[in-house]
Amino acid sequence: MDIVISTSSDKPIYQQMIDQISSQIIKGELASGAALPPIRTVAKELRISIITVKKAWEELERLGFIHSMVGRGCFVAELSRDVLEEKRSELMSRKMRKDIEYYKKLGLSQKEIIDSIRSLYNE
């Protein structure tokens, strides 16, 4: 598991962790059943609060990416390829809805948004 925290990001640290770990699970970089490091270990290594890591782990569990076992720790959930694809689609849709709403408030047309996405995607 590889987590890189950006202190200059507008995104909260716990959300950066959620995004990176869920992405690693979806791409198969973190295999089903793999143990996540203990919360205290991650907090110490990243030099962040235990509360921040706990919040990220709790949200990952709520989203169904991990599960916890009392006294044993947290593990990547056993997810089929179809479920991972569904989760990937859900995450993409949720993020795109927020972004599109923001762009609409800026007065951008659908064509401008799509053209910009195409241009940025092809960079």
C-alpha atoms as a PDB file:
ATOM      1  CA  MET A   1       0.000   0.000   0.000  1.00  0.00           C
ATOM      2  CA  ASP A   2       1.395   3.325  -1.072  1.00  0.00           C
ATOM      3  CA  ILE A   3      -0.048   6.603   0.209  1.00  0.00           C
ATOM      4  CA  VAL A   4       1.271  10.043  -0.670  1.00  0.00           C
ATOM      5  CA  ILE A   5      -0.159  12.963   1.286  1.00  0.00           C
ATOM      6  CA  SER A   6      -0.144  16.455  -0.175  1.00  0.00           C
ATOM      7  CA  THR A   7      -0.286  19.232   2.395  1.00  0.00           C
ATOM      8  CA  SER A   8      -0.883  21.761  -0.388  1.00  0.00           C
ATOM      9  CA  SER A   9      -4.036  19.994  -1.636  1.00  0.00           C
ATOM     10  CA  ASP A  10      -7.495  21.455  -1.027  1.00  0.00           C
ATOM     11  CA  LYS A  11      -8.644  17.891  -0.343  1.00  0.00           C
ATOM     12  CA  PRO A  12      -8.624  16.768   3.313  1.00  0.00           C
ATOM     13  CA  ILE A  13      -5.932  14.235   4.223  1.00  0.00           C
ATOM     14  CA  TYR A  14      -8.432  11.503   5.096  1.00  0.00           C
ATOM     15  CA  GLN A  15     -10.074  11.939   1.659  1.00  0.00           C
ATOM     16  CA  GLN A  16      -6.683  11.728  -0.069  1.00  0.00           C
ATOM     17  CA  MET A  17      -6.153   8.428   1.736  1.00  0.00           C
ATOM     18  CA  ILE A  18      -9.614   7.127   0.791  1.00  0.00           C
ATOM     19  CA  ASP A  19      -9.099   8.080  -2.853  1.00  0.00           C
ATOM     20  CA  GLN A  20      -5.677   6.449  -3.087  1.00  0.00           C
ATOM     21  CA  ILE A  21      -6.552   3.226  -1.269  1.00  0.00           C
ATOM     22  CA  SER A  22      -9.870   2.733  -3.085  1.00  0.00           C
ATOM     23  CA  SER A  23      -8.053   3.324  -6.382  1.00  0.00           C
ATOM     24  CA  GLN A  24      -5.395   0.748  -5.483  1.00  0.00           C
ATOM     25  CA  ILE A  25      -8.115  -1.773  -4.605  1.00  0.00           C
ATOM     26  CA  ILE A  26     -10.067  -1.121  -7.819  1.00  0.00           C
ATOM     27  CA  LYS A  27      -6.916  -1.490  -9.954  1.00  0.00           C
ATOM     28  CA  GLY A  28      -5.959  -4.712  -8.157  1.00  0.00           C
ATOM     29  CA  GLU A  29      -2.820  -3.259  -6.598  1.00  0.00           C
ATOM     30  CA  LEU A  30      -4.231  -4.194  -3.183  1.00  0.00           C
ATOM     31  CA  ALA A  31      -5.504  -7.751  -3.390  1.00  0.00           C
ATOM     32  CA  SER A  32      -8.646  -9.090  -1.733  1.00  0.00           C
ATOM     33  CA  GLY A  33      -7.863 -10.246   1.784  1.00  0.00           C
ATOM     34  CA  ALA A  34      -4.668  -8.191   2.048  1.00  0.00           C
ATOM     35  CA  ALA A  35      -4.078  -6.772   5.514  1.00  0.00           C
ATOM     36  CA  LEU A  36      -3.890  -3.028   5.891  1.00  0.00           C
ATOM     37  CA  PRO A  37      -1.238  -1.710   8.262  1.00  0.00           C
ATOM     38  CA  PRO A  38      -2.438  -0.797  11.754  1.00  0.00           C
ATOM     39  CA  ILE A  39      -3.868   2.700  12.154  1.00  0.00           C
ATOM     40  CA  ARG A  40      -1.099   3.741  14.551  1.00  0.00           C
ATOM     41  CA  THR A  41       1.600   2.563  12.137  1.00  0.00           C
ATOM     42  CA  VAL A  42       0.118   4.506   9.214  1.00  0.00           C
ATOM     43  CA  ALA A  43      -0.316   7.621  11.362  1.00  0.00           C
ATOM     44  CA  LYS A  44       3.292   7.436  12.521  1.00  0.00           C
ATOM     45  CA  GLU A  45       4.712   6.799   9.031  1.00  0.00           C
ATOM     46  CA  LEU A  46       2.688   9.619   7.438  1.00  0.00           C
ATOM     47  CA  ARG A  47       3.123  11.904  10.472  1.00  0.00           C
ATOM     48  CA  ILE A  48      -0.585  12.514  10.767  1.00  0.00           C
ATOM     49  CA  SER A  49      -3.194  12.073  13.468  1.00  0.00           C
ATOM     50  CA  ILE A  50      -4.468   8.624  14.413  1.00  0.00           C
ATOM     51  CA  ILE A  51      -7.955  10.156  14.215  1.00  0.00           C
ATOM     52  CA  THR A  52      -7.388  11.058  10.552  1.00  0.00           C
ATOM     53  CA  VAL A  53      -6.357   7.506   9.648  1.00  0.00           C
ATOM     54  CA  LYS A  54      -9.244   6.058  11.675  1.00  0.00           C
ATOM     55  CA  LYS A  55     -11.671   8.317   9.794  1.00  0.00           C
ATOM     56  CA  ALA A  56     -10.276   7.127   6.432  1.00  0.00           C
ATOM     57  CA  TRP A  57     -10.476   3.456   7.481  1.00  0.00           C
ATOM     58  CA  GLU A  58     -14.051   3.894   8.719  1.00  0.00           C
ATOM     59  CA  GLU A  59     -15.128   5.496   5.448  1.00  0.00           C
ATOM     60  CA  LEU A  60     -13.390   2.805   3.390  1.00  0.00           C
ATOM     61  CA  GLU A  61     -15.296   0.221   5.422  1.00  0.00           C
ATOM     62  CA  ARG A  62     -18.576   2.092   4.949  1.00  0.00           C
ATOM     63  CA  LEU A  63     -17.934   2.146   1.192  1.00  0.00           C
ATOM     64  CA  GLY A  64     -17.301  -1.609   1.252  1.00  0.00           C
ATOM     65  CA  PHE A  65     -13.636  -1.538   0.243  1.00  0.00           C
ATOM     66  CA  ILE A  66     -12.309  -2.947   3.501  1.00  0.00           C
ATOM     67  CA  HIS A  67     -13.607  -4.828   6.535  1.00  0.00           C
ATOM     68  CA  SER A  68     -12.335  -4.968  10.094  1.00  0.00           C
ATOM     69  CA  MET A  69     -11.969  -7.916  12.393  1.00  0.00           C
ATOM     70  CA  VAL A  70     -11.834  -7.208  16.112  1.00  0.00           C
ATOM     71  CA  GLY A  71      -8.367  -7.918  17.421  1.00  0.00           C
ATOM     72  CA  ARG A  72      -6.993  -8.737  13.966  1.00  0.00           C
ATOM     73  CA  GLY A  73      -7.112  -5.453  12.032  1.00  0.00           C
ATOM     74  CA  CYS A  74      -8.465  -4.280   8.700  1.00  0.00           C
ATOM     75  CA  PHE A  75      -8.406  -6.208   5.436  1.00  0.00           C
ATOM     76  CA  VAL A  76      -9.252  -5.544   1.801  1.00  0.00           C
ATOM     77  CA  ALA A  77     -12.769  -6.837   1.169  1.00  0.00           C
ATOM     78  CA  GLU A  78     -13.353  -9.840  -1.076  1.00  0.00           C
ATOM     79  CA  LEU A  79     -14.856  -8.113  -4.118  1.00  0.00           C
ATOM     80  CA  SER A  80     -15.621  -9.652  -7.492  1.00  0.00           C
ATOM     81  CA  ARG A  81     -14.463  -7.950 -10.668  1.00  0.00           C
ATOM     82  CA  ASP A  82     -18.079  -6.918 -11.362  1.00  0.00           C
ATOM     83  CA  VAL A  83     -18.430  -5.288  -7.930  1.00  0.00           C
ATOM     84  CA  LEU A  84     -15.113  -3.472  -8.383  1.00  0.00           C
ATOM     85  CA  GLU A  85     -16.325  -2.167 -11.747  1.00  0.00           C
ATOM     86  CA  GLU A  86     -19.568  -0.979 -10.111  1.00  0.00           C
ATOM     87  CA  LYS A  87     -17.627   0.787  -7.363  1.00  0.00           C
ATOM     88  CA  ARG A  88     -15.335   2.392  -9.938  1.00  0.00           C
ATOM     89  CA  SER A  89     -18.347   3.629 -11.892  1.00  0.00           C
ATOM     90  CA  GLU A  90     -20.040   4.941  -8.722  1.00  0.00           C
ATOM     91  CA  LEU A  91     -16.926   6.852  -7.647  1.00  0.00           C
ATOM     92  CA  MET A  92     -16.496   8.327 -11.122  1.00  0.00           C
ATOM     93  CA  SER A  93     -20.146   9.375 -11.355  1.00  0.00           C
ATOM     94  CA  ARG A  94     -20.139  10.960  -7.898  1.00  0.00           C
ATOM     95  CA  LYS A  95     -17.003  12.986  -8.672  1.00  0.00           C
ATOM     96  CA  MET A  96     -18.153  13.986 -12.152  1.00  0.00           C
ATOM     97  CA  ARG A  97     -21.556  15.157 -10.865  1.00  0.00           C
ATOM     98  CA  LYS A  98     -19.860  17.505  -8.412  1.00  0.00           C
ATOM     99  CA  ASP A  99     -17.428  18.768 -11.033  1.00  0.00           C
ATOM    100  CA  ILE A 100     -20.094  19.267 -13.707  1.00  0.00           C
ATOM    101  CA  GLU A 101     -22.295  21.176 -11.270  1.00  0.00           C
ATOM    102  CA  TYR A 102     -19.342  23.466 -10.511  1.00  0.00           C
ATOM    103  CA  TYR A 103     -18.627  24.018 -14.221  1.00  0.00           C
ATOM    104  CA  LYS A 104     -22.302  24.820 -14.856  1.00  0.00           C
ATOM    105  CA  LYS A 105     -22.127  27.455 -12.120  1.00  0.00           C
ATOM    106  CA  LEU A 106     -19.166  28.933 -13.985  1.00  0.00           C
ATOM    107  CA  GLY A 107     -21.414  29.204 -17.030  1.00  0.00           C
ATOM    108  CA  LEU A 108     -19.677  26.582 -19.144  1.00  0.00           C
ATOM    109  CA  SER A 109     -21.723  24.808 -21.792  1.00  0.00           C
ATOM    110  CA  GLN A 110     -21.826  21.032 -22.196  1.00  0.00           C
ATOM    111  CA  LYS A 111     -19.706  21.368 -25.336  1.00  0.00           C
ATOM    112  CA  GLU A 112     -17.075  23.445 -23.521  1.00  0.00           C
ATOM    113  CA  ILE A 113     -16.897  20.918 -20.692  1.00  0.00           C
ATOM    114  CA  ILE A 114     -16.599  17.938 -23.053  1.00  0.00           C
ATOM    115  CA  ASP A 115     -14.019  19.684 -25.260  1.00  0.00           C
ATOM    116  CA  SER A 116     -11.967  20.535 -22.181  1.00  0.00           C
ATOM    117  CA  ILE A 117     -12.129  16.951 -20.900  1.00  0.00           C
ATOM    118  CA  ARG A 118     -11.029  15.615 -24.294  1.00  0.00           C
ATOM    119  CA  SER A 119      -8.141  18.072 -24.452  1.00  0.00           C
ATOM    120  CA  LEU A 120      -6.945  17.361 -20.912  1.00  0.00           C
ATOM    121  CA  TYR A 121      -7.370  13.593 -21.274  1.00  0.00           C
ATOM    122  CA  ASN A 122      -5.202  13.569 -24.397  1.00  0.00           C
ATOM    123  CA  GLU A 123      -2.348  15.570 -22.837  1.00  0.00           C
END
